[in-house]
Protein backbone atom coordinates (compact mmCIF):
# COMPACT_ATOMS: atom_id res chain seq x y z
CA MET A 1 -15.17 -14.47 -20.19
CA LEU A 2 -16.29 -11.48 -22.27
CA ARG A 3 -14.90 -11.84 -25.80
CA PRO A 4 -12.84 -8.92 -27.18
CA ASP A 5 -15.35 -7.85 -29.85
CA PHE A 6 -18.04 -8.97 -32.28
CA GLY A 7 -16.44 -7.57 -35.42
CA ASP A 8 -17.32 -3.84 -35.24
CA VAL A 9 -15.95 -2.16 -32.13
CA THR A 10 -17.19 1.32 -33.07
CA SER A 11 -20.79 0.16 -33.52
CA GLU A 12 -20.58 -1.83 -30.29
CA TYR A 13 -19.26 1.21 -28.43
CA LEU A 14 -22.01 3.48 -29.78
CA ALA A 15 -24.67 0.87 -28.98
CA LEU A 16 -23.49 0.61 -25.36
CA ARG A 17 -23.67 4.38 -24.94
CA SER A 18 -27.23 4.58 -26.27
CA GLY A 19 -28.92 1.63 -24.57
CA GLU A 20 -28.76 -0.51 -27.71
CA GLY A 21 -25.88 -2.77 -26.65
CA TYR A 22 -25.37 -5.49 -24.06
CA VAL A 23 -22.51 -7.34 -22.40
CA THR A 24 -22.40 -10.76 -20.79
CA ASP A 25 -20.11 -12.39 -18.23
CA HIS A 26 -19.83 -9.10 -16.37
CA SER A 27 -21.92 -9.74 -13.23
CA GLU A 28 -23.57 -12.39 -11.12
CA ILE A 29 -26.19 -12.32 -8.35
CA VAL A 30 -26.12 -13.63 -4.80
CA TRP A 31 -29.59 -13.84 -3.20
CA VAL A 32 -29.87 -13.30 0.53
CA SER A 33 -33.12 -14.55 2.08
CA GLY A 34 -34.58 -15.45 5.46
CA GLU A 35 -36.33 -13.62 8.29
CA ASP A 36 -33.14 -11.83 9.32
CA ALA A 37 -31.81 -11.06 5.83
CA VAL A 38 -32.26 -7.28 5.87
CA ALA A 39 -31.00 -6.82 9.43
CA PHE A 40 -28.02 -9.08 8.75
CA LEU A 41 -27.03 -7.23 5.58
CA ASP A 42 -27.40 -3.86 7.30
CA GLY A 43 -24.63 -4.97 9.62
CA GLN A 44 -22.43 -6.08 6.72
CA VAL A 45 -22.69 -3.59 3.87
CA SER A 46 -22.21 0.17 3.65
CA GLN A 47 -25.66 0.95 2.20
CA ASP A 48 -28.82 1.44 4.30
CA VAL A 49 -30.61 -1.75 3.25
CA ALA A 50 -33.49 -1.31 5.73
CA GLY A 51 -34.08 2.19 4.39
CA MET A 52 -34.45 1.03 0.81
CA THR A 53 -37.92 0.54 -0.64
CA ALA A 54 -38.79 -2.86 -2.09
CA GLY A 55 -38.19 -2.83 -5.83
CA THR A 56 -35.32 -0.31 -5.69
CA THR A 57 -31.58 -0.67 -6.27
CA ALA A 58 -28.51 1.01 -4.79
CA ARG A 59 -24.74 0.74 -4.85
CA SER A 60 -22.87 -0.57 -1.82
CA PHE A 61 -19.52 -1.82 -0.58
CA LEU A 62 -18.76 -5.06 1.22
CA LEU A 63 -15.75 -4.43 3.45
CA GLU A 64 -13.44 -6.42 5.66
CA PRO A 65 -13.14 -5.31 9.32
CA ARG A 66 -10.22 -2.93 8.65
CA GLY A 67 -12.27 -1.11 6.02
CA LYS A 68 -10.66 -2.46 2.81
CA LEU A 69 -12.79 -3.65 -0.12
CA VAL A 70 -14.13 -7.18 -0.37
CA ALA A 71 -16.57 -6.45 -3.20
CA LEU A 72 -18.28 -3.69 -5.16
CA LEU A 73 -22.02 -4.31 -5.04
CA TRP A 74 -25.40 -3.32 -6.34
CA LEU A 75 -28.28 -4.22 -4.00
CA LEU A 76 -31.72 -5.31 -5.26
CA ARG A 77 -34.10 -4.69 -2.35
CA GLY A 78 -37.07 -7.06 -2.35
CA ASN A 79 -39.91 -7.86 0.02
CA GLY A 80 -38.70 -11.34 0.87
CA ARG A 81 -35.04 -11.25 -0.13
CA VAL A 82 -32.18 -9.01 -1.26
CA GLY A 83 -30.03 -9.51 -4.35
CA MET A 84 -26.34 -8.66 -4.25
CA VAL A 85 -24.95 -8.01 -7.74
CA THR A 86 -21.20 -8.48 -7.81
CA GLY A 87 -18.51 -9.02 -10.43
CA SER A 88 -18.47 -12.16 -12.52
CA GLY A 89 -16.74 -14.99 -10.67
CA ARG A 90 -16.90 -13.19 -7.32
CA GLY A 91 -20.22 -14.42 -5.94
CA ALA A 92 -18.78 -17.47 -4.21
CA GLY A 93 -16.20 -15.28 -2.47
CA VAL A 94 -18.94 -12.90 -1.29
CA ILE A 95 -20.85 -15.84 0.20
CA GLU A 96 -17.72 -17.21 1.85
CA HIS A 97 -17.04 -13.81 3.43
CA LEU A 98 -20.61 -13.39 4.72
CA GLU A 99 -20.68 -16.91 6.14
CA ARG A 100 -17.96 -15.87 8.59
CA PHE A 101 -20.43 -13.47 10.24
CA ARG A 102 -23.57 -15.65 10.17
CA PHE A 103 -24.22 -16.56 13.79
CA ARG A 104 -27.68 -17.50 15.10
CA VAL A 105 -29.57 -15.68 12.37
CA ASP A 106 -32.14 -16.88 9.84
CA VAL A 107 -30.21 -16.08 6.67
CA GLU A 108 -29.50 -18.11 3.55
CA PHE A 109 -27.17 -17.32 0.65
CA VAL A 110 -27.74 -18.66 -2.88
CA LEU A 111 -25.57 -17.97 -5.92
CA ASP A 112 -27.90 -17.45 -8.88
CA GLU A 113 -26.97 -19.87 -11.67
CA ARG A 114 -28.72 -17.89 -14.39
CA ARG A 115 -26.60 -16.05 -16.92
CA VAL A 116 -26.61 -12.31 -16.25
CA ILE A 117 -26.77 -9.84 -19.13
CA GLU A 118 -26.30 -6.08 -18.81
CA VAL A 119 -27.66 -3.48 -21.24
CA TRP A 120 -25.72 -0.23 -20.90
CA GLY A 121 -26.75 3.27 -21.90
CA SER A 122 -27.95 6.71 -20.88
CA ASP A 123 -31.65 5.97 -21.54
CA LEU A 124 -32.92 2.46 -20.83
CA ALA A 125 -36.63 3.06 -20.18
CA ASP A 126 -37.63 1.83 -23.64
CA VAL A 127 -35.64 -1.39 -23.25
CA ILE A 128 -37.34 -2.09 -19.92
CA GLY A 129 -40.73 -1.72 -21.58
CA ARG A 130 -39.78 -4.02 -24.43
CA THR A 131 -38.82 -6.86 -22.08
CA GLY A 132 -42.46 -7.11 -20.92
CA SER A 133 -41.33 -8.08 -17.41
CA ASP A 134 -43.88 -8.02 -14.58
CA GLN A 135 -41.82 -9.11 -11.61
CA GLY A 136 -43.37 -7.19 -8.72
CA MET A 137 -41.19 -6.36 -5.74
CA ASP A 138 -39.22 -9.59 -5.39
CA TRP A 139 -37.22 -9.43 -8.64
CA ILE A 140 -38.55 -12.57 -10.35
CA ASP A 141 -41.46 -12.44 -12.80
CA PRO A 142 -43.76 -15.39 -13.65
CA ASP A 143 -41.46 -16.32 -16.54
CA GLY A 144 -38.46 -16.51 -14.20
CA MET A 145 -36.89 -13.27 -15.45
CA THR A 146 -35.17 -10.59 -13.37
CA VAL A 147 -35.00 -7.00 -14.66
CA ALA A 148 -33.23 -4.39 -12.51
CA LEU A 149 -32.20 -0.84 -13.40
CA LEU A 150 -28.82 0.00 -11.89
CA GLY A 151 -29.00 3.77 -12.07
CA GLY A 152 -25.37 4.84 -11.90
CA VAL A 153 -24.08 8.29 -12.76
CA PRO A 154 -23.43 9.06 -15.56
CA LEU A 155 -24.03 5.60 -17.04
CA SER A 156 -27.02 3.44 -16.18
CA ARG A 157 -27.11 -0.31 -16.65
CA LEU A 158 -30.05 -2.67 -17.03
CA LEU A 159 -29.43 -6.05 -15.42
CA LEU A 160 -31.28 -8.99 -16.96
CA ALA A 161 -31.27 -12.61 -15.81
CA GLY A 162 -33.36 -15.41 -17.26
CA ILE A 163 -33.38 -14.01 -20.80
CA ASP A 164 -31.33 -15.42 -23.65
CA ASP A 165 -29.25 -13.54 -26.20
CA GLU A 166 -31.59 -14.30 -29.11
CA ARG A 167 -34.60 -12.81 -27.35
CA LEU A 168 -32.65 -9.71 -26.38
CA GLU A 169 -31.33 -9.22 -29.90
CA GLY A 170 -34.91 -9.60 -31.12
CA LEU A 171 -35.69 -6.54 -28.99
CA GLY A 172 -33.13 -4.55 -30.99
CA VAL A 173 -30.17 -4.81 -28.60
CA MET A 174 -26.81 -5.92 -30.01
CA PRO A 175 -23.91 -7.73 -28.29
CA ALA A 176 -20.76 -5.81 -27.44
CA GLY A 177 -17.31 -7.05 -26.49
CA ARG A 178 -14.69 -6.19 -23.91
CA VAL A 179 -12.89 -3.57 -26.04
CA ALA A 180 -16.00 -1.40 -26.35
CA ALA A 181 -17.07 -2.08 -22.76
CA ASP A 182 -13.67 -1.05 -21.41
CA ALA A 183 -13.84 2.26 -23.29
CA ILE A 184 -17.30 2.95 -21.82
CA ARG A 185 -16.18 2.04 -18.29
CA ILE A 186 -13.21 4.38 -18.54
CA GLU A 187 -15.39 7.27 -19.66
CA ALA A 188 -17.92 6.59 -16.89
CA GLY A 189 -15.31 5.98 -14.18
CA GLU A 190 -16.70 2.50 -13.47
CA PRO A 191 -14.02 0.32 -11.82
CA ILE A 192 -13.98 -3.47 -11.77
CA MET A 193 -12.96 -5.31 -8.61
CA GLY A 194 -9.69 -7.13 -9.14
CA VAL A 195 -8.74 -4.88 -12.07
CA ASP A 196 -9.06 -1.21 -11.14
CA VAL A 197 -9.54 -1.69 -7.39
CA ASP A 198 -8.70 -4.64 -5.16
CA GLU A 199 -8.54 -5.93 -1.60
CA ALA A 200 -5.97 -3.23 -0.72
CA THR A 201 -8.32 -0.42 -1.81
CA ILE A 202 -10.03 1.92 0.67
CA PRO A 203 -13.58 2.91 -0.39
CA GLN A 204 -12.73 6.62 -0.75
CA GLU A 205 -10.03 5.72 -3.29
CA SER A 206 -12.65 4.25 -5.64
CA GLY A 207 -14.66 7.43 -6.20
CA LEU A 208 -17.92 5.59 -5.41
CA VAL A 209 -18.51 6.60 -1.79
CA VAL A 210 -21.27 9.16 -2.46
CA GLU A 211 -23.49 6.53 -4.09
CA SER A 212 -22.39 3.54 -2.00
CA VAL A 213 -22.24 4.66 1.65
CA SER A 214 -24.93 5.69 4.11
CA PHE A 215 -23.48 7.87 6.86
CA THR A 216 -26.76 7.87 8.84
CA LYS A 217 -27.36 4.12 9.29
CA GLY A 218 -26.15 1.94 12.15
CA CYS A 219 -22.84 0.16 12.42
CA TYR A 220 -21.50 -2.20 9.76
CA VAL A 221 -18.29 -4.12 9.22
CA GLY A 222 -15.50 -1.74 8.17
CA GLN A 223 -17.42 1.41 9.07
CA GLU A 224 -14.78 2.91 11.37
CA LEU A 225 -12.22 3.60 8.64
CA VAL A 226 -14.81 4.94 6.19
CA ALA A 227 -16.26 7.33 8.79
CA ARG A 228 -12.85 8.47 10.03
CA ILE A 229 -11.61 9.36 6.55
CA ASP A 230 -14.88 11.13 5.75
CA SER A 231 -14.76 13.26 8.89
CA ARG A 232 -11.12 14.22 9.23
CA GLY A 233 -8.83 12.33 6.91
CA ARG A 234 -7.77 11.89 3.33
CA VAL A 235 -6.54 8.97 1.29
CA ASN A 236 -3.07 8.59 -0.17
CA ARG A 237 -4.29 7.76 -3.67
CA ARG A 238 -7.43 7.81 -5.80
CA LEU A 239 -8.85 6.52 -9.08
CA VAL A 240 -8.62 9.00 -11.96
CA GLY A 241 -8.84 9.12 -15.73
CA VAL A 242 -5.79 9.53 -17.95
CA THR A 243 -5.92 10.60 -21.61
CA MET A 244 -2.98 10.13 -23.97
CA SER A 245 -1.71 13.01 -26.10
CA GLY A 246 -0.82 10.78 -29.03
CA ASN A 247 -2.65 7.99 -30.81
CA VAL A 248 -0.85 5.37 -28.72
CA VAL A 249 -2.63 2.79 -26.55
CA PRO A 250 -0.32 1.82 -23.67
CA PRO A 251 -0.63 -1.62 -22.10
CA ALA A 252 -2.40 -2.07 -18.77
CA GLY A 253 0.16 -1.89 -15.97
CA SER A 254 2.03 1.04 -17.52
CA GLU A 255 3.51 3.51 -15.05
CA VAL A 256 2.20 7.05 -14.59
CA VAL A 257 5.23 9.32 -14.12
CA ALA A 258 5.40 12.90 -12.85
CA GLY A 259 8.89 14.35 -13.08
CA ASP A 260 11.17 11.52 -12.03
CA ALA A 261 8.61 9.83 -9.75
CA VAL A 262 6.28 6.96 -10.50
CA VAL A 263 2.94 8.18 -9.13
CA GLY A 264 0.49 5.54 -10.35
CA THR A 265 -0.38 2.65 -12.61
CA LEU A 266 -2.82 2.25 -15.50
CA SER A 267 -5.40 -0.48 -14.93
CA THR A 268 -8.04 -0.48 -17.71
CA VAL A 269 -6.93 1.00 -21.05
CA GLY A 270 -9.02 1.70 -24.15
CA GLU A 271 -9.82 4.11 -26.98
CA SER A 272 -12.44 6.74 -26.16
CA LEU A 273 -14.51 8.18 -28.99
CA ALA A 274 -15.91 10.81 -26.64
CA MET A 275 -12.44 12.02 -25.65
CA GLY A 276 -11.01 11.53 -29.13
CA ALA A 277 -7.97 9.79 -27.66
CA PRO A 278 -6.75 6.64 -25.95
CA ALA A 279 -7.74 6.78 -22.28
CA ALA A 280 -7.32 4.77 -19.11
CA LEU A 281 -8.29 4.36 -15.50
CA ALA A 282 -5.38 4.71 -13.08
CA MET A 283 -4.81 4.72 -9.34
CA VAL A 284 -2.50 7.69 -8.62
CA ARG A 285 -0.99 9.37 -5.56
CA ARG A 286 -2.97 12.14 -3.90
CA GLU A 287 -0.58 14.95 -4.94
CA ILE A 288 -1.53 14.41 -8.58
CA GLU A 289 -4.35 16.79 -9.51
CA ALA A 290 -6.88 16.84 -12.36
CA GLY A 291 -5.29 18.70 -15.26
CA ASP A 292 -1.72 17.67 -14.42
CA GLU A 293 0.53 16.73 -17.32
CA VAL A 294 2.24 13.38 -16.82
CA ALA A 295 4.03 10.71 -18.81
CA VAL A 296 2.87 7.12 -19.26
CA ARG A 297 5.78 4.72 -19.49
CA TRP A 298 6.11 1.01 -20.23
CA GLU A 299 8.94 -1.30 -21.19
CA SER A 300 8.95 -0.50 -24.90
CA GLY A 301 7.68 3.06 -25.03
CA SER A 302 6.13 6.14 -23.49
CA VAL A 303 3.56 8.83 -24.27
CA GLU A 304 2.65 12.22 -22.81
CA ALA A 305 -0.70 12.26 -21.03
CA ARG A 306 -3.06 14.29 -18.86
CA VAL A 307 -4.83 13.37 -15.63
CA LEU A 308 -8.59 14.08 -15.52
CA ALA A 309 -11.28 13.73 -12.87
CA LEU A 310 -13.88 11.00 -13.29
CA PRO A 311 -16.24 10.62 -15.02
CA LEU A 312 -14.54 11.69 -18.22
CA ASP A 313 -17.85 12.21 -20.04
CA ASP A 314 -21.51 12.88 -19.21
CA PHE A 315 -22.79 10.60 -22.02
CA SER A 316 -24.91 13.34 -23.57
CA GLY A 317 -22.77 14.19 -26.59
CA ILE A 318 -22.32 11.02 -28.65
CA SER A 319 -25.04 8.63 -29.75
CA HIS A 320 -25.27 6.11 -32.55
CA SER A 321 -27.47 8.44 -34.61
CA SER A 322 -25.38 11.59 -34.02
CA TYR A 323 -22.16 9.77 -34.93
CA THR A 324 -23.73 8.42 -38.11
CA ASP A 325 -25.13 11.86 -39.04
CA ASN A 326 -21.73 13.51 -38.51
CA ARG A 327 -20.09 11.03 -40.86
CA HIS A 328 -22.33 12.04 -43.77
């Protein structure tokens, strides 16, 4: 489990924004191999796996037949196999789900036992160069290392497996804890399965459909609901950002209240340097719009707040150097 911090949350936060910080225990990899691997996955996930070029990455959803989330994924397309990057502790569940659909196909699932590290930041090209990895198109280099750029918007992440903390810190990258990572995720609008979204969530509620779904590929499990909502429907709730008006950090699970009605719940809560205020991710009802003033309420208190569209920040305004310069 990711520890809360390493003694200096502000430095950890700034390092994660700039590509100089890393987190552990955030992800794990399931490898899918065999002659039918690509065709099988194309029938299971929302991304166009066959249309991806070897050596590229893309977001995807794994859905149950009714269209609800099973897992948030990143796909690593290789020549001989495909990696599925999922949340820490969720790989076994992904395999169990896929096994239900494996009939008369040459497909094998393996949960990677290597520790996965993620470097976060807006510019990671220099870190990639410093790793010295030469892995080709199948995601494993001769030293047994995997390096994959997960190019999300606005925050990119560099996934590393087969490298230890000491080597990474020798490359000038520092460890960061959960407090800093949560603040970055809130700003970027990056949900975690089981925290900000869950098995009751419809893909369109997550805000990740544009990057995760191909509407031109063939059929896949759960496609009907996703396509129907895209063409003529709307969801009853969606993931948004919430910023507090006072210097009060509410607990996760606090209610979002508009008038006399409870319209949502905070999931991840943190302190955002970019926003200059405590902030949170929250799933709210569809009638709540970006810019709306709301209240956040919990058992022992409340605070006025504002709802904002995600992402909260474009990650261009605060870096470690600019923050240090502004302090002097």
